[in-house]
C-alpha atoms as a PDB file:
ATOM      1  CA  MET A   1     -96.044 -56.553 -30.645  1.00  0.00           C
ATOM      2  CA  LYS A   2     -98.899 -55.325 -27.843  1.00  0.00           C
ATOM      3  CA  ALA A   3    -102.040 -57.136 -28.824  1.00  0.00           C
ATOM      4  CA  ARG A   4    -104.227 -53.757 -28.694  1.00  0.00           C
ATOM      5  CA  GLN A   5    -101.608 -52.021 -30.893  1.00  0.00           C
ATOM      6  CA  VAL A   6    -103.172 -51.869 -34.656  1.00  0.00           C
ATOM      7  CA  PRO A   7    -100.432 -49.946 -37.168  1.00  0.00           C
ATOM      8  CA  VAL A   8    -102.535 -48.849 -40.430  1.00  0.00           C
ATOM      9  CA  LEU A   9    -100.918 -47.427 -43.218  1.00  0.00           C
ATOM     10  CA  VAL A  10    -102.329 -45.208 -45.792  1.00  0.00           C
ATOM     11  CA  THR A  11    -100.842 -45.712 -49.119  1.00  0.00           C
ATOM     12  CA  TRP A  12    -101.536 -43.356 -51.650  1.00  0.00           C
ATOM     13  CA  ASP A  13    -100.924 -44.341 -55.606  1.00  0.00           C
ATOM     14  CA  VAL A  14    -100.076 -41.413 -57.434  1.00  0.00           C
ATOM     15  CA  ASP A  15    -100.856 -42.722 -60.939  1.00  0.00           C
ATOM     16  CA  PRO A  16    -100.631 -40.363 -64.291  1.00  0.00           C
ATOM     17  CA  ASN A  17    -103.556 -38.397 -64.693  1.00  0.00           C
ATOM     18  CA  ASP A  18    -103.465 -37.280 -68.488  1.00  0.00           C
ATOM     19  CA  TYR A  19    -106.878 -35.461 -67.877  1.00  0.00           C
ATOM     20  CA  PHE A  20    -105.940 -33.031 -65.194  1.00  0.00           C
ATOM     21  CA  ASP A  21    -104.319 -29.746 -66.324  1.00  0.00           C
ATOM     22  CA  PRO A  22    -101.537 -29.057 -63.461  1.00  0.00           C
ATOM     23  CA  ALA A  23    -103.302 -26.891 -61.190  1.00  0.00           C
ATOM     24  CA  GLN A  24    -106.007 -29.913 -60.780  1.00  0.00           C
ATOM     25  CA  LYS A  25    -102.920 -32.190 -60.035  1.00  0.00           C
ATOM     26  CA  HIS A  26    -101.375 -29.667 -57.329  1.00  0.00           C
ATOM     27  CA  THR A  27    -105.221 -29.230 -56.114  1.00  0.00           C
ATOM     28  CA  SER A  28    -105.940 -33.222 -55.783  1.00  0.00           C
ATOM     29  CA  MET A  29    -102.625 -33.573 -54.241  1.00  0.00           C
ATOM     30  CA  GLN A  30    -103.351 -30.934 -51.675  1.00  0.00           C
ATOM     31  CA  ALA A  31    -106.652 -32.437 -50.376  1.00  0.00           C
ATOM     32  CA  ALA A  32    -104.703 -35.398 -49.756  1.00  0.00           C
ATOM     33  CA  LEU A  33    -102.051 -33.924 -47.896  1.00  0.00           C
ATOM     34  CA  ASP A  34    -104.651 -32.140 -46.565  1.00  0.00           C
ATOM     35  CA  LEU A  35    -106.705 -35.092 -45.297  1.00  0.00           C
ATOM     36  CA  CYS A  36    -103.487 -37.055 -43.752  1.00  0.00           C
ATOM     37  CA  ALA A  37    -102.612 -33.534 -41.917  1.00  0.00           C
ATOM     38  CA  ASP A  38    -105.998 -33.094 -40.234  1.00  0.00           C
ATOM     39  CA  LEU A  39    -106.337 -36.760 -38.779  1.00  0.00           C
ATOM     40  CA  GLY A  40    -103.125 -36.873 -37.921  1.00  0.00           C
ATOM     41  CA  ILE A  41    -101.883 -39.273 -40.558  1.00  0.00           C
ATOM     42  CA  ARG A  42     -98.394 -40.408 -41.314  1.00  0.00           C
ATOM     43  CA  ALA A  43     -98.858 -41.778 -44.707  1.00  0.00           C
ATOM     44  CA  THR A  44     -97.005 -43.638 -47.948  1.00  0.00           C
ATOM     45  CA  PHE A  45     -96.727 -41.941 -51.412  1.00  0.00           C
ATOM     46  CA  PHE A  46     -96.141 -44.148 -54.286  1.00  0.00           C
ATOM     47  CA  PHE A  47     -94.779 -41.775 -57.404  1.00  0.00           C
ATOM     48  CA  VAL A  48     -94.662 -42.756 -61.266  1.00  0.00           C
ATOM     49  CA  ALA A  49     -91.657 -41.763 -61.595  1.00  0.00           C
ATOM     50  CA  ARG A  50     -91.661 -40.288 -64.739  1.00  0.00           C
ATOM     51  CA  GLU A  51     -94.664 -37.823 -63.354  1.00  0.00           C
ATOM     52  CA  ALA A  52     -93.018 -37.378 -60.363  1.00  0.00           C
ATOM     53  CA  ALA A  53     -91.254 -33.997 -61.371  1.00  0.00           C
ATOM     54  CA  GLU A  54     -94.663 -32.388 -61.737  1.00  0.00           C
ATOM     55  CA  TYR A  55     -94.897 -33.193 -57.640  1.00  0.00           C
ATOM     56  CA  HIS A  56     -91.685 -31.506 -57.080  1.00  0.00           C
ATOM     57  CA  ASP A  57     -92.802 -29.310 -54.371  1.00  0.00           C
ATOM     58  CA  GLU A  58     -95.543 -31.974 -53.146  1.00  0.00           C
ATOM     59  CA  ILE A  59     -92.681 -33.972 -52.969  1.00  0.00           C
ATOM     60  CA  ASN A  60     -90.562 -31.771 -50.269  1.00  0.00           C
ATOM     61  CA  ALA A  61     -93.997 -30.737 -48.216  1.00  0.00           C
ATOM     62  CA  ILE A  62     -94.630 -34.871 -48.041  1.00  0.00           C
ATOM     63  CA  GLN A  63     -90.972 -35.198 -46.541  1.00  0.00           C
ATOM     64  CA  ARG A  64     -91.557 -32.383 -44.046  1.00  0.00           C
ATOM     65  CA  SER A  65     -94.737 -33.815 -42.761  1.00  0.00           C
ATOM     66  CA  GLY A  66     -93.230 -36.984 -41.936  1.00  0.00           C
ATOM     67  CA  HIS A  67     -94.389 -39.277 -45.017  1.00  0.00           C
ATOM     68  CA  GLU A  68     -92.580 -41.430 -46.961  1.00  0.00           C
ATOM     69  CA  VAL A  69     -91.911 -41.494 -50.588  1.00  0.00           C
ATOM     70  CA  GLY A  70     -92.460 -44.371 -52.634  1.00  0.00           C
ATOM     71  CA  CYS A  71     -91.838 -45.707 -55.829  1.00  0.00           C
ATOM     72  CA  HIS A  72     -95.224 -46.843 -58.420  1.00  0.00           C
ATOM     73  CA  GLY A  73     -92.909 -47.617 -61.282  1.00  0.00           C
ATOM     74  CA  LEU A  74     -91.361 -46.114 -64.167  1.00  0.00           C
ATOM     75  CA  THR A  75     -94.661 -44.749 -66.685  1.00  0.00           C
ATOM     76  CA  HIS A  76     -97.542 -46.855 -65.119  1.00  0.00           C
ATOM     77  CA  GLY A  77     -97.756 -47.832 -68.759  1.00  0.00           C
ATOM     78  CA  ALA A  78     -99.164 -51.100 -70.564  1.00  0.00           C
ATOM     79  CA  GLU A  79     -95.959 -52.143 -71.207  1.00  0.00           C
ATOM     80  CA  GLU A  80     -94.754 -52.036 -67.603  1.00  0.00           C
ATOM     81  CA  GLU A  81     -96.215 -55.730 -66.683  1.00  0.00           C
ATOM     82  CA  TYR A  82     -93.983 -56.771 -63.758  1.00  0.00           C
ATOM     83  CA  GLN A  83     -95.433 -60.045 -63.083  1.00  0.00           C
ATOM     84  CA  ARG A  84     -94.427 -60.940 -66.928  1.00  0.00           C
ATOM     85  CA  LEU A  85     -91.344 -58.839 -67.838  1.00  0.00           C
ATOM     86  CA  PRO A  86     -88.201 -60.651 -68.666  1.00  0.00           C
ATOM     87  CA  GLU A  87     -85.774 -59.562 -65.853  1.00  0.00           C
ATOM     88  CA  ALA A  88     -83.432 -57.066 -67.720  1.00  0.00           C
ATOM     89  CA  MET A  89     -86.408 -54.846 -68.662  1.00  0.00           C
ATOM     90  CA  GLN A  90     -87.337 -54.954 -65.281  1.00  0.00           C
ATOM     91  CA  ARG A  91     -84.227 -54.100 -63.928  1.00  0.00           C
ATOM     92  CA  ARG A  92     -83.707 -51.370 -66.531  1.00  0.00           C
ATOM     93  CA  PHE A  93     -87.303 -49.947 -65.386  1.00  0.00           C
ATOM     94  CA  LEU A  94     -86.665 -50.213 -62.154  1.00  0.00           C
ATOM     95  CA  ASP A  95     -83.294 -48.847 -61.946  1.00  0.00           C
ATOM     96  CA  GLU A  96     -84.651 -45.425 -64.002  1.00  0.00           C
ATOM     97  CA  ALA A  97     -87.235 -45.209 -61.427  1.00  0.00           C
ATOM     98  CA  THR A  98     -85.414 -45.415 -58.518  1.00  0.00           C
ATOM     99  CA  ARG A  99     -82.867 -43.277 -59.501  1.00  0.00           C
ATOM    100  CA  ILE A 100     -85.308 -39.979 -60.908  1.00  0.00           C
ATOM    101  CA  LEU A 101     -87.142 -40.626 -57.599  1.00  0.00           C
ATOM    102  CA  GLU A 102     -83.735 -40.344 -55.276  1.00  0.00           C
ATOM    103  CA  ASN A 103     -82.992 -37.436 -57.626  1.00  0.00           C
ATOM    104  CA  LEU A 104     -86.290 -35.285 -57.143  1.00  0.00           C
ATOM    105  CA  SER A 105     -86.073 -36.155 -53.259  1.00  0.00           C
ATOM    106  CA  GLY A 106     -82.802 -36.354 -52.098  1.00  0.00           C
ATOM    107  CA  ILE A 107     -83.286 -39.587 -50.246  1.00  0.00           C
ATOM    108  CA  ARG A 108     -83.255 -43.455 -50.306  1.00  0.00           C
ATOM    109  CA  ILE A 109     -86.430 -45.154 -51.632  1.00  0.00           C
ATOM    110  CA  THR A 110     -86.896 -48.027 -50.132  1.00  0.00           C
ATOM    111  CA  ALA A 111     -90.506 -49.124 -51.019  1.00  0.00           C
ATOM    112  CA  PHE A 112     -92.058 -50.374 -54.101  1.00  0.00           C
ATOM    113  CA  ARG A 113     -95.945 -50.689 -55.160  1.00  0.00           C
ATOM    114  CA  GLY A 114     -96.291 -52.360 -58.877  1.00  0.00           C
ATOM    115  CA  PRO A 115     -98.376 -50.595 -61.252  1.00  0.00           C
ATOM    116  CA  ARG A 116    -101.880 -51.719 -60.972  1.00  0.00           C
ATOM    117  CA  VAL A 117    -100.024 -53.644 -58.353  1.00  0.00           C
ATOM    118  CA  LYS A 118     -98.714 -56.615 -60.456  1.00  0.00           C
ATOM    119  CA  VAL A 119     -95.331 -57.850 -58.970  1.00  0.00           C
ATOM    120  CA  SER A 120     -93.356 -61.012 -59.443  1.00  0.00           C
ATOM    121  CA  ALA A 121     -90.469 -62.466 -57.459  1.00  0.00           C
ATOM    122  CA  THR A 122     -88.164 -61.536 -60.408  1.00  0.00           C
ATOM    123  CA  THR A 123     -89.523 -57.851 -59.292  1.00  0.00           C
ATOM    124  CA  LEU A 124     -88.440 -58.732 -55.638  1.00  0.00           C
ATOM    125  CA  ARG A 125     -85.168 -60.079 -55.937  1.00  0.00           C
ATOM    126  CA  VAL A 126     -84.255 -56.912 -58.267  1.00  0.00           C
ATOM    127  CA  LEU A 127     -85.924 -54.643 -55.842  1.00  0.00           C
ATOM    128  CA  GLY A 128     -83.585 -55.984 -53.036  1.00  0.00           C
ATOM    129  CA  GLU A 129     -80.247 -55.839 -54.760  1.00  0.00           C
ATOM    130  CA  PHE A 130     -81.164 -51.913 -55.377  1.00  0.00           C
ATOM    131  CA  GLY A 131     -81.943 -51.679 -51.301  1.00  0.00           C
ATOM    132  CA  TYR A 132     -85.757 -51.637 -50.943  1.00  0.00           C
ATOM    133  CA  LEU A 133     -87.211 -52.691 -47.953  1.00  0.00           C
ATOM    134  CA  THR A 134     -90.469 -52.806 -48.633  1.00  0.00           C
ATOM    135  CA  ASP A 135     -93.432 -54.077 -51.335  1.00  0.00           C
ATOM    136  CA  SER A 136     -96.907 -53.797 -51.229  1.00  0.00           C
ATOM    137  CA  SER A 137     -98.034 -55.086 -54.220  1.00  0.00           C
ATOM    138  CA  VAL A 138    -100.172 -58.502 -53.094  1.00  0.00           C
ATOM    139  CA  CYS A 139    -103.468 -58.093 -52.100  1.00  0.00           C
ATOM    140  CA  SER A 140    -103.951 -61.326 -49.911  1.00  0.00           C
ATOM    141  CA  GLN A 141    -107.554 -63.206 -50.191  1.00  0.00           C
ATOM    142  CA  ARG A 142    -108.515 -60.433 -52.600  1.00  0.00           C
ATOM    143  CA  LEU A 143    -111.104 -62.029 -54.940  1.00  0.00           C
ATOM    144  CA  ASP A 144    -111.739 -60.004 -57.905  1.00  0.00           C
ATOM    145  CA  LEU A 145    -113.197 -60.739 -61.537  1.00  0.00           C
ATOM    146  CA  VAL A 146    -113.098 -57.503 -63.168  1.00  0.00           C
ATOM    147  CA  SER A 147    -109.173 -55.450 -62.172  1.00  0.00           C
ATOM    148  CA  ALA A 148    -106.266 -56.395 -64.183  1.00  0.00           C
ATOM    149  CA  ASN A 149    -105.512 -58.815 -61.499  1.00  0.00           C
ATOM    150  CA  PRO A 150    -108.818 -61.246 -62.750  1.00  0.00           C
ATOM    151  CA  ILE A 151    -108.724 -64.362 -60.048  1.00  0.00           C
ATOM    152  CA  ASN A 152    -105.830 -64.181 -58.857  1.00  0.00           C
ATOM    153  CA  VAL A 153    -104.721 -67.508 -57.759  1.00  0.00           C
ATOM    154  CA  GLY A 154    -101.508 -66.325 -56.608  1.00  0.00           C
ATOM    155  CA  TRP A 155    -103.447 -63.713 -54.166  1.00  0.00           C
ATOM    156  CA  LEU A 156    -105.687 -65.871 -52.989  1.00  0.00           C
ATOM    157  CA  ILE A 157    -103.147 -68.353 -51.662  1.00  0.00           C
ATOM    158  CA  ALA A 158    -100.390 -65.523 -50.221  1.00  0.00           C
ATOM    159  CA  PRO A 159    -100.200 -64.980 -46.618  1.00  0.00           C
ATOM    160  CA  ARG A 160    -101.720 -62.314 -44.692  1.00  0.00           C
ATOM    161  CA  VAL A 161     -99.147 -61.112 -42.202  1.00  0.00           C
ATOM    162  CA  PRO A 162     -95.983 -59.199 -43.633  1.00  0.00           C
ATOM    163  CA  TYR A 163     -93.910 -61.783 -45.116  1.00  0.00           C
ATOM    164  CA  HIS A 164     -90.247 -62.285 -46.788  1.00  0.00           C
ATOM    165  CA  PRO A 165     -91.008 -64.460 -50.474  1.00  0.00           C
ATOM    166  CA  HIS A 166     -89.841 -66.926 -52.020  1.00  0.00           C
ATOM    167  CA  ARG A 167     -87.301 -66.097 -54.448  1.00  0.00           C
ATOM    168  CA  ASP A 168     -89.559 -68.001 -57.034  1.00  0.00           C
ATOM    169  CA  ASN A 169     -92.470 -67.437 -55.738  1.00  0.00           C
ATOM    170  CA  VAL A 170     -93.696 -64.004 -54.500  1.00  0.00           C
ATOM    171  CA  PHE A 171     -96.794 -65.576 -52.935  1.00  0.00           C
ATOM    172  CA  ARG A 172     -94.910 -67.970 -51.107  1.00  0.00           C
ATOM    173  CA  ARG A 173     -92.884 -67.320 -48.131  1.00  0.00           C
ATOM    174  CA  GLY A 174     -88.714 -67.632 -48.562  1.00  0.00           C
ATOM    175  CA  ASP A 175     -85.872 -65.722 -47.818  1.00  0.00           C
ATOM    176  CA  LEU A 176     -85.673 -62.596 -50.283  1.00  0.00           C
ATOM    177  CA  PRO A 177     -84.762 -59.339 -48.151  1.00  0.00           C
ATOM    178  CA  VAL A 178     -87.932 -56.908 -49.099  1.00  0.00           C
ATOM    179  CA  LEU A 179     -90.830 -57.809 -46.904  1.00  0.00           C
ATOM    180  CA  GLU A 180     -93.977 -57.602 -48.550  1.00  0.00           C
ATOM    181  CA  VAL A 181     -97.070 -55.785 -46.731  1.00  0.00           C
ATOM    182  CA  PRO A 182     -99.993 -57.114 -48.127  1.00  0.00           C
ATOM    183  CA  ILE A 183    -102.948 -54.329 -49.293  1.00  0.00           C
ATOM    184  CA  ALA A 184    -105.973 -55.359 -46.525  1.00  0.00           C
ATOM    185  CA  ALA A 185    -108.820 -57.389 -48.025  1.00  0.00           C
ATOM    186  CA  ALA A 186    -111.416 -60.119 -46.505  1.00  0.00           C
ATOM    187  CA  GLY A 187    -112.651 -61.153 -49.987  1.00  0.00           C
ATOM    188  CA  LEU A 188    -113.556 -57.697 -50.395  1.00  0.00           C
ATOM    189  CA  PRO A 189    -110.332 -55.319 -50.463  1.00  0.00           C
ATOM    190  CA  LEU A 190    -109.789 -51.994 -48.267  1.00  0.00           C
ATOM    191  CA  ILE A 191    -109.374 -49.632 -51.178  1.00  0.00           C
ATOM    192  CA  SER A 192    -111.004 -46.617 -52.394  1.00  0.00           C
ATOM    193  CA  THR A 193    -113.012 -47.958 -55.543  1.00  0.00           C
ATOM    194  CA  SER A 194    -114.652 -50.706 -53.400  1.00  0.00           C
ATOM    195  CA  LEU A 195    -115.683 -47.537 -50.732  1.00  0.00           C
ATOM    196  CA  TYR A 196    -117.185 -45.558 -53.954  1.00  0.00           C
ATOM    197  CA  VAL A 197    -118.649 -48.202 -54.807  1.00  0.00           C
ATOM    198  CA  LEU A 198    -119.975 -50.589 -51.975  1.00  0.00           C
ATOM    199  CA  ARG A 199    -120.410 -47.116 -49.539  1.00  0.00           C
ATOM    200  CA  LEU A 200    -119.453 -46.492 -46.134  1.00  0.00           C
ATOM    201  CA  GLY A 201    -121.491 -49.003 -44.174  1.00  0.00           C
ATOM    202  CA  VAL A 202    -120.040 -52.182 -46.145  1.00  0.00           C
ATOM    203  CA  MET A 203    -116.336 -50.298 -45.511  1.00  0.00           C
ATOM    204  CA  LYS A 204    -116.335 -49.817 -42.087  1.00  0.00           C
ATOM    205  CA  THR A 205    -117.944 -52.999 -41.764  1.00  0.00           C
ATOM    206  CA  LEU A 206    -114.593 -54.672 -43.670  1.00  0.00           C
ATOM    207  CA  LEU A 207    -112.601 -52.608 -41.553  1.00  0.00           C
ATOM    208  CA  ARG A 208    -113.655 -54.121 -37.703  1.00  0.00           C
ATOM    209  CA  LEU A 209    -113.306 -57.244 -39.305  1.00  0.00           C
ATOM    210  CA  LEU A 210    -109.687 -56.137 -40.580  1.00  0.00           C
ATOM    211  CA  HIS A 211    -109.302 -54.440 -37.015  1.00  0.00           C
ATOM    212  CA  ALA A 212    -110.184 -57.405 -35.234  1.00  0.00           C
ATOM    213  CA  GLU A 213    -107.414 -59.410 -37.041  1.00  0.00           C
ATOM    214  CA  ALA A 214    -105.165 -56.921 -36.458  1.00  0.00           C
ATOM    215  CA  ARG A 215    -105.272 -57.015 -32.564  1.00  0.00           C
ATOM    216  CA  ALA A 216    -105.058 -60.797 -32.626  1.00  0.00           C
ATOM    217  CA  THR A 217    -102.484 -61.206 -35.280  1.00  0.00           C
ATOM    218  CA  GLY A 218    -100.240 -57.583 -35.576  1.00  0.00           C
ATOM    219  CA  LYS A 219    -101.077 -57.687 -39.211  1.00  0.00           C
ATOM    220  CA  PRO A 220    -100.850 -53.769 -40.233  1.00  0.00           C
ATOM    221  CA  ILE A 221    -104.000 -52.719 -41.884  1.00  0.00           C
ATOM    222  CA  VAL A 222    -103.146 -51.596 -45.557  1.00  0.00           C
ATOM    223  CA  TYR A 223    -105.580 -48.915 -47.340  1.00  0.00           C
ATOM    224  CA  LEU A 224    -105.105 -47.856 -51.040  1.00  0.00           C
ATOM    225  CA  ALA A 225    -105.798 -44.674 -52.094  1.00  0.00           C
ATOM    226  CA  HIS A 226    -105.251 -42.342 -55.271  1.00  0.00           C
ATOM    227  CA  PRO A 227    -105.100 -38.463 -55.064  1.00  0.00           C
ATOM    228  CA  GLU A 228    -106.209 -37.768 -58.454  1.00  0.00           C
ATOM    229  CA  GLU A 229    -109.874 -38.894 -57.001  1.00  0.00           C
ATOM    230  CA  PHE A 230    -110.533 -35.596 -55.311  1.00  0.00           C
ATOM    231  CA  GLY A 231    -110.570 -34.094 -58.534  1.00  0.00           C
ATOM    232  CA  PRO A 232    -113.119 -34.492 -61.560  1.00  0.00           C
ATOM    233  CA  GLN A 233    -112.659 -38.034 -63.399  1.00  0.00           C
ATOM    234  CA  SER A 234    -114.030 -38.611 -66.936  1.00  0.00           C
ATOM    235  CA  PHE A 235    -113.731 -42.128 -68.564  1.00  0.00           C
ATOM    236  CA  PRO A 236    -115.323 -42.207 -71.523  1.00  0.00           C
ATOM    237  CA  PHE A 237    -115.795 -45.274 -73.530  1.00  0.00           C
ATOM    238  CA  LYS A 238    -113.189 -46.407 -75.984  1.00  0.00           C
ATOM    239  CA  LEU A 239    -113.388 -49.445 -78.158  1.00  0.00           C
ATOM    240  CA  SER A 240    -109.626 -50.154 -77.419  1.00  0.00           C
ATOM    241  CA  GLU A 241    -110.677 -50.986 -73.743  1.00  0.00           C
ATOM    242  CA  LEU A 242    -111.896 -54.221 -74.801  1.00  0.00           C
ATOM    243  CA  SER A 243    -108.797 -55.168 -76.838  1.00  0.00           C
ATOM    244  CA  LEU A 244    -106.796 -58.657 -75.178  1.00  0.00           C
ATOM    245  CA  ALA A 245    -103.851 -56.321 -74.050  1.00  0.00           C
ATOM    246  CA  SER A 246    -106.020 -53.772 -72.576  1.00  0.00           C
ATOM    247  CA  LEU A 247    -108.305 -56.114 -70.556  1.00  0.00           C
ATOM    248  CA  ARG A 248    -104.950 -58.097 -69.514  1.00  0.00           C
ATOM    249  CA  ALA A 249    -103.165 -55.006 -68.783  1.00  0.00           C
ATOM    250  CA  HIS A 250    -106.212 -53.165 -67.410  1.00  0.00           C
ATOM    251  CA  GLY A 251    -109.229 -55.374 -66.977  1.00  0.00           C
ATOM    252  CA  LEU A 252    -112.475 -54.273 -67.277  1.00  0.00           C
ATOM    253  CA  MET A 253    -112.658 -50.672 -67.389  1.00  0.00           C
ATOM    254  CA  LEU A 254    -116.340 -50.688 -67.016  1.00  0.00           C
ATOM    255  CA  ARG A 255    -115.662 -50.836 -63.397  1.00  0.00           C
ATOM    256  CA  LYS A 256    -114.425 -47.299 -63.191  1.00  0.00           C
ATOM    257  CA  ARG A 257    -117.795 -45.673 -64.316  1.00  0.00           C
ATOM    258  CA  LEU A 258    -119.403 -47.007 -61.310  1.00  0.00           C
ATOM    259  CA  ASN A 259    -117.550 -44.896 -59.004  1.00  0.00           C
ATOM    260  CA  GLU A 260    -118.660 -42.112 -56.853  1.00  0.00           C
ATOM    261  CA  ARG A 261    -118.661 -39.125 -59.512  1.00  0.00           C
ATOM    262  CA  ASP A 262    -118.050 -36.106 -57.047  1.00  0.00           C
ATOM    263  CA  PRO A 263    -114.685 -35.517 -56.430  1.00  0.00           C
ATOM    264  CA  ALA A 264    -116.106 -33.371 -53.164  1.00  0.00           C
ATOM    265  CA  SER A 265    -118.160 -36.712 -52.101  1.00  0.00           C
ATOM    266  CA  ARG A 266    -115.172 -39.082 -52.756  1.00  0.00           C
ATOM    267  CA  LEU A 267    -113.564 -36.795 -50.342  1.00  0.00           C
ATOM    268  CA  ARG A 268    -115.793 -36.763 -47.709  1.00  0.00           C
ATOM    269  CA  LEU A 269    -116.129 -40.607 -48.024  1.00  0.00           C
ATOM    270  CA  ASN A 270    -112.316 -41.023 -47.801  1.00  0.00           C
ATOM    271  CA  ARG A 271    -112.636 -38.607 -44.456  1.00  0.00           C
ATOM    272  CA  ALA A 272    -115.164 -40.392 -42.646  1.00  0.00           C
ATOM    273  CA  LEU A 273    -113.788 -43.989 -43.477  1.00  0.00           C
ATOM    274  CA  LEU A 274    -110.456 -42.824 -42.201  1.00  0.00           C
ATOM    275  CA  SER A 275    -111.705 -40.843 -39.476  1.00  0.00           C
ATOM    276  CA  PHE A 276    -113.604 -44.155 -38.082  1.00  0.00           C
ATOM    277  CA  CYS A 277    -110.457 -45.863 -38.869  1.00  0.00           C
ATOM    278  CA  ALA A 278    -108.503 -43.480 -36.633  1.00  0.00           C
ATOM    279  CA  SER A 279    -111.475 -43.853 -33.767  1.00  0.00           C
ATOM    280  CA  LEU A 280    -110.993 -47.612 -33.258  1.00  0.00           C
ATOM    281  CA  PRO A 281    -108.794 -49.091 -30.282  1.00  0.00           C
ATOM    282  CA  GLY A 282    -105.281 -49.165 -30.643  1.00  0.00           C
ATOM    283  CA  VAL A 283    -104.984 -48.044 -34.305  1.00  0.00           C
ATOM    284  CA  HIS A 284    -101.842 -45.350 -35.092  1.00  0.00           C
ATOM    285  CA  PHE A 285    -100.795 -44.565 -38.360  1.00  0.00           C
ATOM    286  CA  VAL A 286     -97.190 -45.732 -40.191  1.00  0.00           C
ATOM    287  CA  THR A 287     -95.188 -45.849 -42.656  1.00  0.00           C
ATOM    288  CA  MET A 288     -93.670 -48.736 -45.203  1.00  0.00           C
ATOM    289  CA  ARG A 289     -90.521 -47.310 -44.125  1.00  0.00           C
ATOM    290  CA  ASP A 290     -91.811 -48.137 -40.226  1.00  0.00           C
ATOM    291  CA  VAL A 291     -93.127 -51.642 -40.733  1.00  0.00           C
ATOM    292  CA  ALA A 292     -89.781 -52.744 -42.443  1.00  0.00           C
ATOM    293  CA  LEU A 293     -87.583 -51.104 -39.735  1.00  0.00           C
ATOM    294  CA  GLY A 294     -90.035 -52.488 -36.917  1.00  0.00           C
ATOM    295  CA  ALA A 295     -91.585 -49.316 -35.681  1.00  0.00           C
ATOM    296  CA  SER A 296     -95.284 -50.927 -35.990  1.00  0.00           C
ATOM    297  CA  GLY A 297     -94.081 -53.850 -34.087  1.00  0.00           C
ATOM    298  CA  ALA A 298     -95.246 -55.739 -37.224  1.00  0.00           C
ATOM    299  CA  PRO A 299     -94.149 -59.473 -36.952  1.00  0.00           C
ATOM    300  CA  ALA A 300     -91.233 -60.012 -38.539  1.00  0.00           C
ATOM    301  CA  MET A 301     -91.608 -62.896 -40.859  1.00  0.00           C
END
């Protein structure tokens, strides 16, 4: 890879959203598509399979625009915990999710991100059998205390560049065919939630650090956001949030209430951060499939 090239992957997790009506879902998705079009971004959209039919028109638009459709699990429910699910259940979930998305899109689905960025070596083995090329669920060197992955030791020791995981440990190098493409982090993760809480100045500094690393190593920079963030969000407190099951699946939901509340401001912040990213030397926007096929020049590990 030429040292001056910096592949950037903008990834959108299209999660279930019970508090949006259909019109709001389409409006928020269109905002994400328009943002990509305005900035010349080719992105990867990870869809929850049982929700994806609601976005039939958007999936067609995504493909026409050169973006990639990926899989974000079957339901995104608390039962879909890929870091601990038995293999037979993972196989059933992933088989159904893949078939749904391939029927909707008419193409082979090859990119995966686990719900709540949870994954295991078992998941990667099954994905490899199903023909997937990439996973992007590991967030290497992310320090976290309140999310669904608190104090994830595996994240702290995982390689920072794309790598083929070990068949018994997703956080170690091995020979599984699926390429792990880590979400970018340097202590802080490069995700939209960080942007809304820490604001633009901090995130630009983080991006500069990641850009310098990418120029030196060829490591792709992976950014994670959600189209639903461009619509009204509501997080009323529920006592069930404090249950052990909820904390284990979702972490402290209190963090959601620290977010920027205004959807227009969330959109402006994303536009400003991604515009800044696009202005950095050597940046070019790619998809997960590009990285898997070597189009970005990412190192084959």
